[in-house]
Amino acid sequence: MTYHAIRCEAVEVRTDTGVCPGVAQTELGEVSVIGPRTPESKGICCQALAAMGPMKLVMATAEGMEWQKKGSFDITCPHGHVTFRLTRAS
């Protein structure tokens, strides 16, 4: 089975400061890479990671899917403050 790492970038933070008010304090432009085990970089808010889980799994393992035409998939965290763009990193 091929497993592709997923690049996750905070492409929009809807606050005046550009920083999420949640405990993870996600900043605009922050990038994490999610590999087969855990985020390989600074890390991602646990609630945002849970929200992106199903799509992350599809992007990491499936071929021939509709999102591949665009090359990325945007998902907003459960609190609505941060939009993440998911793309294959490998």
C-alpha atoms as a PDB file:
ATOM      1  CA  MET A   1       0.000   0.000   0.000  1.00  0.00           C
ATOM      2  CA  THR A   2       1.303   3.441  -0.919  1.00  0.00           C
ATOM      3  CA  TYR A   3       0.857   6.106   1.737  1.00  0.00           C
ATOM      4  CA  HIS A   4       1.385   9.734   0.745  1.00  0.00           C
ATOM      5  CA  ALA A   5       2.329  12.315   3.358  1.00  0.00           C
ATOM      6  CA  ILE A   6      -0.119  15.236   3.456  1.00  0.00           C
ATOM      7  CA  ARG A   7       0.964  18.879   3.574  1.00  0.00           C
ATOM      8  CA  CYS A   8      -1.409  20.963   5.673  1.00  0.00           C
ATOM      9  CA  GLU A   9      -1.173  24.755   5.425  1.00  0.00           C
ATOM     10  CA  ALA A  10      -3.218  27.335   7.345  1.00  0.00           C
ATOM     11  CA  VAL A  11      -4.377  29.443   4.375  1.00  0.00           C
ATOM     12  CA  GLU A  12      -6.876  31.602   6.238  1.00  0.00           C
ATOM     13  CA  VAL A  13      -7.184  32.679   9.876  1.00  0.00           C
ATOM     14  CA  ARG A  14     -10.288  34.729  10.552  1.00  0.00           C
ATOM     15  CA  THR A  15      -9.008  36.901  13.404  1.00  0.00           C
ATOM     16  CA  ASP A  16      -7.555  40.409  13.523  1.00  0.00           C
ATOM     17  CA  THR A  17      -4.195  39.061  14.685  1.00  0.00           C
ATOM     18  CA  GLY A  18      -3.817  36.223  12.151  1.00  0.00           C
ATOM     19  CA  VAL A  19      -3.536  33.780  15.061  1.00  0.00           C
ATOM     20  CA  CYS A  20      -6.226  31.300  16.112  1.00  0.00           C
ATOM     21  CA  PRO A  21      -7.586  32.072  19.608  1.00  0.00           C
ATOM     22  CA  GLY A  22      -7.668  28.345  20.466  1.00  0.00           C
ATOM     23  CA  VAL A  23      -5.078  26.500  22.523  1.00  0.00           C
ATOM     24  CA  ALA A  24      -2.950  25.563  19.473  1.00  0.00           C
ATOM     25  CA  GLN A  25      -2.512  29.229  18.482  1.00  0.00           C
ATOM     26  CA  THR A  26      -2.336  28.307  14.779  1.00  0.00           C
ATOM     27  CA  GLU A  27      -0.829  31.108  12.698  1.00  0.00           C
ATOM     28  CA  LEU A  28      -1.581  32.119   9.118  1.00  0.00           C
ATOM     29  CA  GLY A  29       0.860  30.356   6.801  1.00  0.00           C
ATOM     30  CA  GLU A  30       1.802  27.663   9.313  1.00  0.00           C
ATOM     31  CA  VAL A  31       2.611  24.373   7.556  1.00  0.00           C
ATOM     32  CA  SER A  32       2.575  20.856   8.995  1.00  0.00           C
ATOM     33  CA  VAL A  33       3.265  17.542   7.306  1.00  0.00           C
ATOM     34  CA  ILE A  34       1.133  14.587   8.353  1.00  0.00           C
ATOM     35  CA  GLY A  35       2.840  11.276   7.669  1.00  0.00           C
ATOM     36  CA  PRO A  36       1.842   7.696   8.428  1.00  0.00           C
ATOM     37  CA  ARG A  37       2.138   8.217  12.197  1.00  0.00           C
ATOM     38  CA  THR A  38       1.811  11.791  13.465  1.00  0.00           C
ATOM     39  CA  PRO A  39       2.411  15.364  12.331  1.00  0.00           C
ATOM     40  CA  GLU A  40       6.079  15.518  11.388  1.00  0.00           C
ATOM     41  CA  SER A  41       6.546  19.199  12.191  1.00  0.00           C
ATOM     42  CA  LYS A  42       5.303  21.728  14.742  1.00  0.00           C
ATOM     43  CA  GLY A  43       1.931  20.034  15.003  1.00  0.00           C
ATOM     44  CA  ILE A  44      -1.724  20.729  14.390  1.00  0.00           C
ATOM     45  CA  CYS A  45      -4.606  21.591  16.686  1.00  0.00           C
ATOM     46  CA  CYS A  46      -6.085  18.269  17.831  1.00  0.00           C
ATOM     47  CA  GLN A  47      -9.633  19.366  16.956  1.00  0.00           C
ATOM     48  CA  ALA A  48      -8.638  20.482  13.457  1.00  0.00           C
ATOM     49  CA  LEU A  49      -6.733  17.224  12.945  1.00  0.00           C
ATOM     50  CA  ALA A  50      -9.832  15.228  13.920  1.00  0.00           C
ATOM     51  CA  ALA A  51     -11.964  17.227  11.457  1.00  0.00           C
ATOM     52  CA  MET A  52      -9.580  16.637   8.565  1.00  0.00           C
ATOM     53  CA  GLY A  53      -9.025  12.942   9.394  1.00  0.00           C
ATOM     54  CA  PRO A  54     -11.366  11.340   6.852  1.00  0.00           C
ATOM     55  CA  MET A  55     -10.195  13.488   3.930  1.00  0.00           C
ATOM     56  CA  LYS A  56      -6.558  13.141   4.984  1.00  0.00           C
ATOM     57  CA  LEU A  57      -6.902   9.359   4.859  1.00  0.00           C
ATOM     58  CA  VAL A  58      -8.483   9.442   1.387  1.00  0.00           C
ATOM     59  CA  MET A  59      -5.784  11.799   0.090  1.00  0.00           C
ATOM     60  CA  ALA A  60      -3.036   9.666   1.605  1.00  0.00           C
ATOM     61  CA  THR A  61      -4.207   6.333   0.216  1.00  0.00           C
ATOM     62  CA  ALA A  62      -6.636   6.650  -2.719  1.00  0.00           C
ATOM     63  CA  GLU A  63      -6.044   7.258  -6.401  1.00  0.00           C
ATOM     64  CA  GLY A  64      -8.391   8.549  -9.110  1.00  0.00           C
ATOM     65  CA  MET A  65     -10.448  10.767  -6.823  1.00  0.00           C
ATOM     66  CA  GLU A  66     -12.215  14.010  -7.785  1.00  0.00           C
ATOM     67  CA  TRP A  67     -10.030  16.225  -5.536  1.00  0.00           C
ATOM     68  CA  GLN A  68      -6.944  15.194  -7.546  1.00  0.00           C
ATOM     69  CA  LYS A  69      -8.094  17.330 -10.492  1.00  0.00           C
ATOM     70  CA  LYS A  70      -7.657  20.441  -8.325  1.00  0.00           C
ATOM     71  CA  GLY A  71      -4.681  19.054  -6.394  1.00  0.00           C
ATOM     72  CA  SER A  72      -5.834  20.233  -2.987  1.00  0.00           C
ATOM     73  CA  PHE A  73      -8.766  20.228  -0.579  1.00  0.00           C
ATOM     74  CA  ASP A  74      -9.695  23.020   1.861  1.00  0.00           C
ATOM     75  CA  ILE A  75     -11.241  22.246   5.228  1.00  0.00           C
ATOM     76  CA  THR A  76     -12.252  24.618   8.033  1.00  0.00           C
ATOM     77  CA  CYS A  77     -11.620  23.734  11.675  1.00  0.00           C
ATOM     78  CA  PRO A  78     -14.639  22.976  13.895  1.00  0.00           C
ATOM     79  CA  HIS A  79     -14.522  26.447  15.483  1.00  0.00           C
ATOM     80  CA  GLY A  80     -14.494  28.235  12.127  1.00  0.00           C
ATOM     81  CA  HIS A  81     -11.335  30.265  12.728  1.00  0.00           C
ATOM     82  CA  VAL A  82      -8.831  28.504  10.454  1.00  0.00           C
ATOM     83  CA  THR A  83      -9.050  27.086   6.945  1.00  0.00           C
ATOM     84  CA  PHE A  84      -6.441  24.474   6.108  1.00  0.00           C
ATOM     85  CA  ARG A  85      -5.379  23.473   2.604  1.00  0.00           C
ATOM     86  CA  LEU A  86      -4.482  19.785   2.256  1.00  0.00           C
ATOM     87  CA  THR A  87      -2.191  18.641  -0.565  1.00  0.00           C
ATOM     88  CA  ARG A  88      -0.067  15.582  -1.120  1.00  0.00           C
ATOM     89  CA  ALA A  89       3.490  16.175   0.064  1.00  0.00           C
ATOM     90  CA  SER A  90       4.831  12.982  -1.505  1.00  0.00           C
END
